[in-house]
Amino acid sequence: MTTKSSKIEKKLILLISEINDTDPSSLNPSMSMSEAQLDSLDAVNLLFEIEDEYDISIDDSDEINERMNLGTISELALRIEEEIEKSAESVGCPS
């Protein structure tokens, strides 16, 4: 895991805790989205928050839906990091 992923994980935990009104200390990167008590509407809200926070667009909704349902917070952080890097490459900026 990179430092960037670790920072993203921390931000995801804060976003999730705000969305489902839980204590951030009750969440950890190895939790699945269902263990973090996100329902499908919460997952959509999280996706919008992620796109706004990181100024990215996650086009592959099937993949992100799979990660929301089955993936962990850590796996989602890696996906976000990949999207940030793609976005930076598309505008010619080093990541």
PDB file of N, CA and C in Angstrom:
ATOM      1  N   MET A   1       0.839  -1.172   0.000  1.00  0.00           N
ATOM      2  CA  MET A   1       0.000   0.000   0.000  1.00  0.00           C
ATOM      3  C   MET A   1       0.889   1.241   0.000  1.00  0.00           C
ATOM      4  N   THR A   2       0.460   2.244  -0.751  1.00  0.00           N
ATOM      5  CA  THR A   2       1.229   3.474  -0.814  1.00  0.00           C
ATOM      6  C   THR A   2       0.733   4.459   0.241  1.00  0.00           C
ATOM      7  N   THR A   3       1.527   5.484   0.436  1.00  0.00           N
ATOM      8  CA  THR A   3       1.126   6.539   1.363  1.00  0.00           C
ATOM      9  C   THR A   3      -0.155   7.194   0.888  1.00  0.00           C
ATOM     10  N   LYS A   4      -0.256   7.362  -0.460  1.00  0.00           N
ATOM     11  CA  LYS A   4      -1.457   7.972  -1.020  1.00  0.00           C
ATOM     12  C   LYS A   4      -2.684   7.112  -0.705  1.00  0.00           C
ATOM     13  N   SER A   5      -2.548   5.797  -0.856  1.00  0.00           N
ATOM     14  CA  SER A   5      -3.667   4.897  -0.547  1.00  0.00           C
ATOM     15  C   SER A   5      -4.064   4.993   0.919  1.00  0.00           C
ATOM     16  N   SER A   6      -3.071   5.092   1.783  1.00  0.00           N
ATOM     17  CA  SER A   6      -3.337   5.205   3.217  1.00  0.00           C
ATOM     18  C   SER A   6      -4.121   6.479   3.524  1.00  0.00           C
ATOM     19  N   LYS A   7      -3.755   7.581   2.880  1.00  0.00           N
ATOM     20  CA  LYS A   7      -4.477   8.839   3.080  1.00  0.00           C
ATOM     21  C   LYS A   7      -5.900   8.721   2.546  1.00  0.00           C
ATOM     22  N   ILE A   8      -6.038   8.047   1.411  1.00  0.00           N
ATOM     23  CA  ILE A   8      -7.366   7.853   0.828  1.00  0.00           C
ATOM     24  C   ILE A   8      -8.214   6.982   1.749  1.00  0.00           C
ATOM     25  N   GLU A   9      -7.624   5.932   2.307  1.00  0.00           N
ATOM     26  CA  GLU A   9      -8.352   5.070   3.255  1.00  0.00           C
ATOM     27  C   GLU A   9      -8.890   5.889   4.422  1.00  0.00           C
ATOM     28  N   LYS A  10      -8.049   6.750   4.969  1.00  0.00           N
ATOM     29  CA  LYS A  10      -8.469   7.581   6.102  1.00  0.00           C
ATOM     30  C   LYS A  10      -9.620   8.494   5.708  1.00  0.00           C
ATOM     31  N   LYS A  11      -9.532   9.070   4.508  1.00  0.00           N
ATOM     32  CA  LYS A  11     -10.603   9.942   4.035  1.00  0.00           C
ATOM     33  C   LYS A  11     -11.879   9.140   3.807  1.00  0.00           C
ATOM     34  N   LEU A  12     -11.754   7.948   3.239  1.00  0.00           N
ATOM     35  CA  LEU A  12     -12.930   7.095   3.027  1.00  0.00           C
ATOM     36  C   LEU A  12     -13.604   6.763   4.349  1.00  0.00           C
ATOM     37  N   ILE A  13     -12.811   6.449   5.346  1.00  0.00           N
ATOM     38  CA  ILE A  13     -13.369   6.139   6.657  1.00  0.00           C
ATOM     39  C   ILE A  13     -14.142   7.334   7.206  1.00  0.00           C
ATOM     40  N   LEU A  14     -13.604   8.525   7.043  1.00  0.00           N
ATOM     41  CA  LEU A  14     -14.318   9.729   7.494  1.00  0.00           C
ATOM     42  C   LEU A  14     -15.610   9.937   6.705  1.00  0.00           C
ATOM     43  N   LEU A  15     -15.545   9.757   5.377  1.00  0.00           N
ATOM     44  CA  LEU A  15     -16.743   9.918   4.547  1.00  0.00           C
ATOM     45  C   LEU A  15     -17.815   8.900   4.927  1.00  0.00           C
ATOM     46  N   ILE A  16     -17.396   7.645   5.088  1.00  0.00           N
ATOM     47  CA  ILE A  16     -18.346   6.589   5.449  1.00  0.00           C
ATOM     48  C   ILE A  16     -18.972   6.883   6.811  1.00  0.00           C
ATOM     49  N   SER A  17     -18.153   7.320   7.757  1.00  0.00           N
ATOM     50  CA  SER A  17     -18.688   7.605   9.091  1.00  0.00           C
ATOM     51  C   SER A  17     -19.684   8.760   9.058  1.00  0.00           C
ATOM     52  N   GLU A  18     -19.453   9.734   8.164  1.00  0.00           N
ATOM     53  CA  GLU A  18     -20.405  10.840   8.029  1.00  0.00           C
ATOM     54  C   GLU A  18     -21.702  10.359   7.380  1.00  0.00           C
ATOM     55  N   ILE A  19     -21.575   9.508   6.369  1.00  0.00           N
ATOM     56  CA  ILE A  19     -22.751   9.029   5.647  1.00  0.00           C
ATOM     57  C   ILE A  19     -23.643   8.170   6.534  1.00  0.00           C
ATOM     58  N   ASN A  20     -23.023   7.258   7.290  1.00  0.00           N
ATOM     59  CA  ASN A  20     -23.867   6.365   8.095  1.00  0.00           C
ATOM     60  C   ASN A  20     -23.885   6.733   9.579  1.00  0.00           C
ATOM     61  N   ASP A  21     -23.364   7.917   9.891  1.00  0.00           N
ATOM     62  CA  ASP A  21     -23.424   8.468  11.247  1.00  0.00           C
ATOM     63  C   ASP A  21     -22.863   7.494  12.290  1.00  0.00           C
ATOM     64  N   THR A  22     -21.635   7.048  12.038  1.00  0.00           N
ATOM     65  CA  THR A  22     -20.948   6.176  12.989  1.00  0.00           C
ATOM     66  C   THR A  22     -19.633   6.813  13.412  1.00  0.00           C
ATOM     67  N   ASP A  23     -19.060   6.279  14.435  1.00  0.00           N
ATOM     68  CA  ASP A  23     -17.763   6.727  14.925  1.00  0.00           C
ATOM     69  C   ASP A  23     -16.677   6.208  13.978  1.00  0.00           C
ATOM     70  N   PRO A  24     -15.826   7.083  13.440  1.00  0.00           N
ATOM     71  CA  PRO A  24     -14.769   6.632  12.532  1.00  0.00           C
ATOM     72  C   PRO A  24     -13.867   5.559  13.137  1.00  0.00           C
ATOM     73  N   SER A  25     -13.707   5.577  14.451  1.00  0.00           N
ATOM     74  CA  SER A  25     -12.833   4.589  15.090  1.00  0.00           C
ATOM     75  C   SER A  25     -13.437   3.181  15.046  1.00  0.00           C
ATOM     76  N   SER A  26     -14.717   3.079  14.711  1.00  0.00           N
ATOM     77  CA  SER A  26     -15.344   1.758  14.601  1.00  0.00           C
ATOM     78  C   SER A  26     -15.129   1.138  13.224  1.00  0.00           C
ATOM     79  N   LEU A  27     -14.496   1.892  12.310  1.00  0.00           N
ATOM     80  CA  LEU A  27     -14.250   1.421  10.946  1.00  0.00           C
ATOM     81  C   LEU A  27     -12.766   1.171  10.747  1.00  0.00           C
ATOM     82  N   ASN A  28     -12.444   0.212   9.872  1.00  0.00           N
ATOM     83  CA  ASN A  28     -11.048  -0.026   9.533  1.00  0.00           C
ATOM     84  C   ASN A  28     -10.944  -0.417   8.059  1.00  0.00           C
ATOM     85  N   PRO A  29      -9.772  -0.243   7.455  1.00  0.00           N
ATOM     86  CA  PRO A  29      -9.600  -0.472   6.016  1.00  0.00           C
ATOM     87  C   PRO A  29      -9.925  -1.889   5.538  1.00  0.00           C
ATOM     88  N   SER A  30      -9.871  -2.867   6.411  1.00  0.00           N
ATOM     89  CA  SER A  30     -10.141  -4.241   5.978  1.00  0.00           C
ATOM     90  C   SER A  30     -11.635  -4.578   5.957  1.00  0.00           C
ATOM     91  N   MET A  31     -12.466  -3.646   6.395  1.00  0.00           N
ATOM     92  CA  MET A  31     -13.922  -3.881   6.406  1.00  0.00           C
ATOM     93  C   MET A  31     -14.498  -3.797   5.000  1.00  0.00           C
ATOM     94  N   SER A  32     -15.477  -4.659   4.750  1.00  0.00           N
ATOM     95  CA  SER A  32     -16.229  -4.548   3.503  1.00  0.00           C
ATOM     96  C   SER A  32     -17.221  -3.394   3.657  1.00  0.00           C
ATOM     97  N   MET A  33     -17.775  -2.993   2.528  1.00  0.00           N
ATOM     98  CA  MET A  33     -18.759  -1.920   2.586  1.00  0.00           C
ATOM     99  C   MET A  33     -19.989  -2.355   3.389  1.00  0.00           C
ATOM    100  N   SER A  34     -20.372  -3.621   3.279  1.00  0.00           N
ATOM    101  CA  SER A  34     -21.523  -4.081   4.060  1.00  0.00           C
ATOM    102  C   SER A  34     -21.182  -4.128   5.550  1.00  0.00           C
ATOM    103  N   GLU A  35     -19.958  -4.510   5.887  1.00  0.00           N
ATOM    104  CA  GLU A  35     -19.543  -4.486   7.302  1.00  0.00           C
ATOM    105  C   GLU A  35     -19.520  -3.058   7.840  1.00  0.00           C
ATOM    106  N   ALA A  36     -19.255  -2.101   6.940  1.00  0.00           N
ATOM    107  CA  ALA A  36     -19.273  -0.687   7.333  1.00  0.00           C
ATOM    108  C   ALA A  36     -20.699  -0.143   7.365  1.00  0.00           C
ATOM    109  N   GLN A  37     -21.655  -1.033   7.122  1.00  0.00           N
ATOM    110  CA  GLN A  37     -23.082  -0.735   7.196  1.00  0.00           C
ATOM    111  C   GLN A  37     -23.541   0.295   6.162  1.00  0.00           C
ATOM    112  N   LEU A  38     -22.999   0.164   4.932  1.00  0.00           N
ATOM    113  CA  LEU A  38     -23.462   1.011   3.838  1.00  0.00           C
ATOM    114  C   LEU A  38     -24.492   0.246   3.025  1.00  0.00           C
ATOM    115  N   ASP A  39     -25.671   0.822   2.861  1.00  0.00           N
ATOM    116  CA  ASP A  39     -26.639   0.218   1.963  1.00  0.00           C
ATOM    117  C   ASP A  39     -26.413   0.783   0.562  1.00  0.00           C
ATOM    118  N   SER A  40     -27.228   0.404  -0.397  1.00  0.00           N
ATOM    119  CA  SER A  40     -26.992   0.812  -1.781  1.00  0.00           C
ATOM    120  C   SER A  40     -27.099   2.325  -1.964  1.00  0.00           C
ATOM    121  N   LEU A  41     -28.026   2.961  -1.284  1.00  0.00           N
ATOM    122  CA  LEU A  41     -28.140   4.418  -1.377  1.00  0.00           C
ATOM    123  C   LEU A  41     -26.918   5.093  -0.757  1.00  0.00           C
ATOM    124  N   ASP A  42     -26.454   4.575   0.372  1.00  0.00           N
ATOM    125  CA  ASP A  42     -25.234   5.103   0.992  1.00  0.00           C
ATOM    126  C   ASP A  42     -24.045   4.952   0.047  1.00  0.00           C
ATOM    127  N   ALA A  43     -23.979   3.819  -0.650  1.00  0.00           N
ATOM    128  CA  ALA A  43     -22.877   3.566  -1.576  1.00  0.00           C
ATOM    129  C   ALA A  43     -22.887   4.580  -2.714  1.00  0.00           C
ATOM    130  N   VAL A  44     -24.063   4.900  -3.227  1.00  0.00           N
ATOM    131  CA  VAL A  44     -24.169   5.909  -4.286  1.00  0.00           C
ATOM    132  C   VAL A  44     -23.730   7.268  -3.751  1.00  0.00           C
ATOM    133  N   ASN A  45     -24.181   7.613  -2.553  1.00  0.00           N
ATOM    134  CA  ASN A  45     -23.753   8.877  -1.946  1.00  0.00           C
ATOM    135  C   ASN A  45     -22.241   8.912  -1.749  1.00  0.00           C
ATOM    136  N   LEU A  46     -21.675   7.788  -1.331  1.00  0.00           N
ATOM    137  CA  LEU A  46     -20.224   7.712  -1.157  1.00  0.00           C
ATOM    138  C   LEU A  46     -19.529   7.921  -2.493  1.00  0.00           C
ATOM    139  N   LEU A  47     -20.042   7.305  -3.543  1.00  0.00           N
ATOM    140  CA  LEU A  47     -19.451   7.458  -4.866  1.00  0.00           C
ATOM    141  C   LEU A  47     -19.441   8.926  -5.288  1.00  0.00           C
ATOM    142  N   PHE A  48     -20.541   9.628  -5.077  1.00  0.00           N
ATOM    143  CA  PHE A  48     -20.591  11.057  -5.412  1.00  0.00           C
ATOM    144  C   PHE A  48     -19.585  11.851  -4.589  1.00  0.00           C
ATOM    145  N   GLU A  49     -19.492  11.532  -3.307  1.00  0.00           N
ATOM    146  CA  GLU A  49     -18.526  12.216  -2.443  1.00  0.00           C
ATOM    147  C   GLU A  49     -17.090  11.979  -2.908  1.00  0.00           C
ATOM    148  N   ILE A  50     -16.809  10.741  -3.307  1.00  0.00           N
ATOM    149  CA  ILE A  50     -15.467  10.394  -3.801  1.00  0.00           C
ATOM    150  C   ILE A  50     -15.150  11.193  -5.057  1.00  0.00           C
ATOM    151  N   GLU A  51     -16.099  11.210  -5.990  1.00  0.00           N
ATOM    152  CA  GLU A  51     -15.862  11.932  -7.247  1.00  0.00           C
ATOM    153  C   GLU A  51     -15.643  13.417  -6.989  1.00  0.00           C
ATOM    154  N   ASP A  52     -16.414  14.000  -6.073  1.00  0.00           N
ATOM    155  CA  ASP A  52     -16.239  15.415  -5.740  1.00  0.00           C
ATOM    156  C   ASP A  52     -14.915  15.663  -5.019  1.00  0.00           C
ATOM    157  N   GLU A  53     -14.620  14.832  -4.042  1.00  0.00           N
ATOM    158  CA  GLU A  53     -13.412  15.003  -3.226  1.00  0.00           C
ATOM    159  C   GLU A  53     -12.136  14.926  -4.050  1.00  0.00           C
ATOM    160  N   TYR A  54     -12.089  13.980  -4.980  1.00  0.00           N
ATOM    161  CA  TYR A  54     -10.858  13.721  -5.724  1.00  0.00           C
ATOM    162  C   TYR A  54     -10.913  14.215  -7.166  1.00  0.00           C
ATOM    163  N   ASP A  55     -11.998  14.898  -7.526  1.00  0.00           N
ATOM    164  CA  ASP A  55     -12.168  15.443  -8.872  1.00  0.00           C
ATOM    165  C   ASP A  55     -11.890  14.382  -9.936  1.00  0.00           C
ATOM    166  N   ILE A  56     -12.533  13.240  -9.753  1.00  0.00           N
ATOM    167  CA  ILE A  56     -12.408  12.136 -10.694  1.00  0.00           C
ATOM    168  C   ILE A  56     -13.807  11.695 -11.102  1.00  0.00           C
ATOM    169  N   SER A  57     -13.843  10.953 -12.190  1.00  0.00           N
ATOM    170  CA  SER A  57     -15.090  10.356 -12.636  1.00  0.00           C
ATOM    171  C   SER A  57     -14.862   8.860 -12.737  1.00  0.00           C
ATOM    172  N   ILE A  58     -15.647   8.111 -12.020  1.00  0.00           N
ATOM    173  CA  ILE A  58     -15.510   6.667 -12.051  1.00  0.00           C
ATOM    174  C   ILE A  58     -16.544   6.148 -13.041  1.00  0.00           C
ATOM    175  N   ASP A  59     -16.044   5.765 -14.238  1.00  0.00           N
ATOM    176  CA  ASP A  59     -16.927   5.407 -15.341  1.00  0.00           C
ATOM    177  C   ASP A  59     -17.443   3.988 -15.259  1.00  0.00           C
ATOM    178  N   ASP A  60     -16.657   3.097 -14.712  1.00  0.00           N
ATOM    179  CA  ASP A  60     -17.029   1.685 -14.712  1.00  0.00           C
ATOM    180  C   ASP A  60     -17.935   1.387 -13.529  1.00  0.00           C
ATOM    181  N   SER A  61     -19.224   1.699 -13.695  1.00  0.00           N
ATOM    182  CA  SER A  61     -20.151   1.559 -12.570  1.00  0.00           C
ATOM    183  C   SER A  61     -20.295   0.116 -12.110  1.00  0.00           C
ATOM    184  N   ASP A  62     -20.164  -0.853 -13.020  1.00  0.00           N
ATOM    185  CA  ASP A  62     -20.259  -2.253 -12.609  1.00  0.00           C
ATOM    186  C   ASP A  62     -19.139  -2.612 -11.652  1.00  0.00           C
ATOM    187  N   GLU A  63     -17.921  -2.163 -11.966  1.00  0.00           N
ATOM    188  CA  GLU A  63     -16.787  -2.479 -11.099  1.00  0.00           C
ATOM    189  C   GLU A  63     -16.936  -1.792  -9.749  1.00  0.00           C
ATOM    190  N   ILE A  64     -17.329  -0.534  -9.771  1.00  0.00           N
ATOM    191  CA  ILE A  64     -17.451   0.166  -8.498  1.00  0.00           C
ATOM    192  C   ILE A  64     -18.587  -0.424  -7.677  1.00  0.00           C
ATOM    193  N   ASN A  65     -19.668  -0.823  -8.325  1.00  0.00           N
ATOM    194  CA  ASN A  65     -20.755  -1.470  -7.592  1.00  0.00           C
ATOM    195  C   ASN A  65     -20.283  -2.759  -6.965  1.00  0.00           C
ATOM    196  N   GLU A  66     -19.463  -3.517  -7.688  1.00  0.00           N
ATOM    197  CA  GLU A  66     -18.918  -4.758  -7.130  1.00  0.00           C
ATOM    198  C   GLU A  66     -18.061  -4.458  -5.910  1.00  0.00           C
ATOM    199  N   ARG A  67     -17.243  -3.430  -6.001  1.00  0.00           N
ATOM    200  CA  ARG A  67     -16.388  -3.073  -4.864  1.00  0.00           C
ATOM    201  C   ARG A  67     -17.217  -2.580  -3.687  1.00  0.00           C
ATOM    202  N   MET A  68     -18.286  -1.860  -3.972  1.00  0.00           N
ATOM    203  CA  MET A  68     -19.140  -1.375  -2.895  1.00  0.00           C
ATOM    204  C   MET A  68     -19.801  -2.550  -2.181  1.00  0.00           C
ATOM    205  N   ASN A  69     -20.169  -3.570  -2.932  1.00  0.00           N
ATOM    206  CA  ASN A  69     -20.870  -4.703  -2.344  1.00  0.00           C
ATOM    207  C   ASN A  69     -19.923  -5.712  -1.721  1.00  0.00           C
ATOM    208  N   LEU A  70     -18.785  -5.938  -2.344  1.00  0.00           N
ATOM    209  CA  LEU A  70     -17.922  -7.029  -1.915  1.00  0.00           C
ATOM    210  C   LEU A  70     -16.533  -6.587  -1.459  1.00  0.00           C
ATOM    211  N   GLY A  71     -16.086  -5.459  -1.946  1.00  0.00           N
ATOM    212  CA  GLY A  71     -14.731  -5.035  -1.666  1.00  0.00           C
ATOM    213  C   GLY A  71     -14.583  -4.386  -0.302  1.00  0.00           C
ATOM    214  N   THR A  72     -13.339  -4.197   0.053  1.00  0.00           N
ATOM    215  CA  THR A  72     -13.029  -3.561   1.326  1.00  0.00           C
ATOM    216  C   THR A  72     -12.758  -2.075   1.113  1.00  0.00           C
ATOM    217  N   ILE A  73     -12.696  -1.358   2.192  1.00  0.00           N
ATOM    218  CA  ILE A  73     -12.353   0.057   2.131  1.00  0.00           C
ATOM    219  C   ILE A  73     -10.969   0.211   1.503  1.00  0.00           C
ATOM    220  N   SER A  74     -10.048  -0.659   1.861  1.00  0.00           N
ATOM    221  CA  SER A  74      -8.696  -0.619   1.318  1.00  0.00           C
ATOM    222  C   SER A  74      -8.690  -0.840  -0.193  1.00  0.00           C
ATOM    223  N   GLU A  75      -9.484  -1.792  -0.670  1.00  0.00           N
ATOM    224  CA  GLU A  75      -9.565  -2.054  -2.112  1.00  0.00           C
ATOM    225  C   GLU A  75     -10.157  -0.863  -2.850  1.00  0.00           C
ATOM    226  N   LEU A  76     -11.147  -0.233  -2.255  1.00  0.00           N
ATOM    227  CA  LEU A  76     -11.735   0.945  -2.863  1.00  0.00           C
ATOM    228  C   LEU A  76     -10.718   2.080  -2.916  1.00  0.00           C
ATOM    229  N   ALA A  77      -9.906   2.216  -1.883  1.00  0.00           N
ATOM    230  CA  ALA A  77      -8.863   3.244  -1.867  1.00  0.00           C
ATOM    231  C   ALA A  77      -7.876   3.032  -3.010  1.00  0.00           C
ATOM    232  N   LEU A  78      -7.519   1.792  -3.269  1.00  0.00           N
ATOM    233  CA  LEU A  78      -6.609   1.500  -4.381  1.00  0.00           C
ATOM    234  C   LEU A  78      -7.248   1.863  -5.711  1.00  0.00           C
ATOM    235  N   ARG A  79      -8.530   1.577  -5.857  1.00  0.00           N
ATOM    236  CA  ARG A  79      -9.257   1.927  -7.089  1.00  0.00           C
ATOM    237  C   ARG A  79      -9.278   3.443  -7.272  1.00  0.00           C
ATOM    238  N   ILE A  80      -9.496   4.174  -6.204  1.00  0.00           N
ATOM    239  CA  ILE A  80      -9.502   5.636  -6.281  1.00  0.00           C
ATOM    240  C   ILE A  80      -8.125   6.142  -6.682  1.00  0.00           C
ATOM    241  N   GLU A  81      -7.090   5.560  -6.086  1.00  0.00           N
ATOM    242  CA  GLU A  81      -5.727   5.958  -6.442  1.00  0.00           C
ATOM    243  C   GLU A  81      -5.472   5.729  -7.925  1.00  0.00           C
ATOM    244  N   GLU A  82      -5.928   4.594  -8.459  1.00  0.00           N
ATOM    245  CA  GLU A  82      -5.779   4.315  -9.894  1.00  0.00           C
ATOM    246  C   GLU A  82      -6.489   5.378 -10.729  1.00  0.00           C
ATOM    247  N   GLU A  83      -7.696   5.745 -10.323  1.00  0.00           N
ATOM    248  CA  GLU A  83      -8.460   6.753 -11.060  1.00  0.00           C
ATOM    249  C   GLU A  83      -7.782   8.122 -11.002  1.00  0.00           C
ATOM    250  N   ILE A  84      -7.201   8.459  -9.857  1.00  0.00           N
ATOM    251  CA  ILE A  84      -6.481   9.728  -9.726  1.00  0.00           C
ATOM    252  C   ILE A  84      -5.295   9.742 -10.681  1.00  0.00           C
ATOM    253  N   GLU A  85      -4.567   8.627 -10.744  1.00  0.00           N
ATOM    254  CA  GLU A  85      -3.415   8.535 -11.638  1.00  0.00           C
ATOM    255  C   GLU A  85      -3.838   8.624 -13.099  1.00  0.00           C
ATOM    256  N   LYS A  86      -4.924   7.956 -13.464  1.00  0.00           N
ATOM    257  CA  LYS A  86      -5.437   8.030 -14.840  1.00  0.00           C
ATOM    258  C   LYS A  86      -5.820   9.461 -15.185  1.00  0.00           C
ATOM    259  N   SER A  87      -6.479  10.105 -14.251  1.00  0.00           N
ATOM    260  CA  SER A  87      -6.912  11.476 -14.466  1.00  0.00           C
ATOM    261  C   SER A  87      -5.717  12.408 -14.663  1.00  0.00           C
ATOM    262  N   ALA A  88      -4.675  12.229 -13.855  1.00  0.00           N
ATOM    263  CA  ALA A  88      -3.474  13.043 -13.963  1.00  0.00           C
ATOM    264  C   ALA A  88      -2.767  12.790 -15.292  1.00  0.00           C
ATOM    265  N   GLU A  89      -2.723  11.528 -15.726  1.00  0.00           N
ATOM    266  CA  GLU A  89      -2.094  11.202 -16.997  1.00  0.00           C
ATOM    267  C   GLU A  89      -2.863  11.804 -18.175  1.00  0.00           C
ATOM    268  N   SER A  90      -4.173  11.831 -18.078  1.00  0.00           N
ATOM    269  CA  SER A  90      -4.982  12.330 -19.188  1.00  0.00           C
ATOM    270  C   SER A  90      -4.818  13.831 -19.396  1.00  0.00           C
ATOM    271  N   VAL A  91      -4.407  14.556 -18.356  1.00  0.00           N
ATOM    272  CA  VAL A  91      -4.152  15.978 -18.494  1.00  0.00           C
ATOM    273  C   VAL A  91      -2.661  16.292 -18.541  1.00  0.00           C
ATOM    274  N   GLY A  92      -1.843  15.244 -18.588  1.00  0.00           N
ATOM    275  CA  GLY A  92      -0.404  15.412 -18.723  1.00  0.00           C
ATOM    276  C   GLY A  92       0.316  15.843 -17.477  1.00  0.00           C
ATOM    277  N   CYS A  93      -0.242  15.557 -16.322  1.00  0.00           N
ATOM    278  CA  CYS A  93       0.392  15.924 -15.051  1.00  0.00           C
ATOM    279  C   CYS A  93       1.001  14.688 -14.420  1.00  0.00           C
ATOM    280  N   PRO A  94       2.186  14.815 -13.843  1.00  0.00           N
ATOM    281  CA  PRO A  94       2.734  13.673 -13.102  1.00  0.00           C
ATOM    282  C   PRO A  94       1.943  13.466 -11.830  1.00  0.00           C
ATOM    283  N   SER A  95       1.794  12.204 -11.414  1.00  0.00           N
ATOM    284  CA  SER A  95       1.012  11.939 -10.194  1.00  0.00           C
ATOM    285  C   SER A  95       1.812  12.121  -8.953  1.00  0.00           C
TER     286      SER A  95
END
